[in-house]
Amino acid sequence: MGRKAENAKKFIVSCRVNNDEMDQLQSLAREQGSSISELLRKSLILLQGNTQLSI
């Protein structure tokens, strides 16, 4: 039996991006010292905050 993750990720989201967008994602992730997945998770949090400010 595998180990249990504390904050298991259950869903996979996929998206097509062009070369420039992929380069940007990789560059930003590298600058942050994280993965693209973690970068996108952080972006969601930031977007939620900005949305609440504009309501």
Protein backbone atom coordinates (compact mmCIF):
# COMPACT_ATOMS: atom_id res chain seq x y z
CA MET A 1 0.00 0.00 0.00
CA GLY A 2 1.27 3.49 -0.83
CA ARG A 3 1.81 6.23 1.67
CA LYS A 4 -0.99 8.69 2.38
CA ALA A 5 -0.37 12.27 1.35
CA GLU A 6 -1.39 14.94 3.82
CA ASN A 7 -2.87 17.21 1.13
CA ALA A 8 -3.52 14.74 -1.69
CA LYS A 9 -4.26 16.19 -5.12
CA LYS A 10 -7.20 14.36 -6.65
CA PHE A 11 -7.70 16.17 -9.96
CA ILE A 12 -5.55 16.86 -13.00
CA VAL A 13 -6.08 20.03 -15.03
CA SER A 14 -4.46 20.21 -18.44
CA CYS A 15 -4.14 23.13 -20.80
CA ARG A 16 -2.48 23.73 -24.16
CA VAL A 17 0.02 26.58 -24.30
CA ASN A 18 2.25 27.88 -27.06
CA ASN A 19 6.07 27.99 -26.91
CA ASP A 20 6.21 31.53 -25.52
CA GLU A 21 3.70 30.76 -22.77
CA MET A 22 5.59 27.60 -21.80
CA ASP A 23 8.86 29.54 -21.69
CA GLN A 24 7.21 32.10 -19.40
CA LEU A 25 5.82 29.41 -17.09
CA GLN A 26 9.16 27.63 -16.87
CA SER A 27 11.05 30.86 -16.27
CA LEU A 28 8.65 32.04 -13.53
CA ALA A 29 8.70 28.64 -11.85
CA ARG A 30 12.51 28.56 -11.94
CA GLU A 31 12.69 32.09 -10.46
CA GLN A 32 10.32 31.06 -7.67
CA GLY A 33 12.15 27.80 -7.06
CA SER A 34 8.95 25.83 -7.59
CA SER A 35 7.14 23.69 -10.12
CA ILE A 36 4.72 24.99 -12.70
CA SER A 37 1.92 23.28 -10.76
CA GLU A 38 2.83 25.11 -7.56
CA LEU A 39 3.16 28.38 -9.48
CA LEU A 40 -0.37 27.95 -10.86
CA ARG A 41 -1.74 27.09 -7.40
CA LYS A 42 -0.21 30.29 -6.01
CA SER A 43 -1.66 32.22 -8.96
CA LEU A 44 -5.14 30.98 -8.06
CA ILE A 45 -4.74 32.28 -4.53
CA LEU A 46 -3.62 35.67 -5.84
CA LEU A 47 -6.50 35.83 -8.31
CA GLN A 48 -9.01 35.02 -5.57
CA GLY A 49 -7.65 37.86 -3.47
CA ASN A 50 -7.83 40.32 -6.37
CA THR A 51 -11.37 39.25 -7.20
CA GLN A 52 -12.51 39.83 -3.62
CA LEU A 53 -10.94 43.29 -3.63
CA SER A 54 -12.84 44.31 -6.75
CA ILE A 55 -16.28 43.22 -5.50
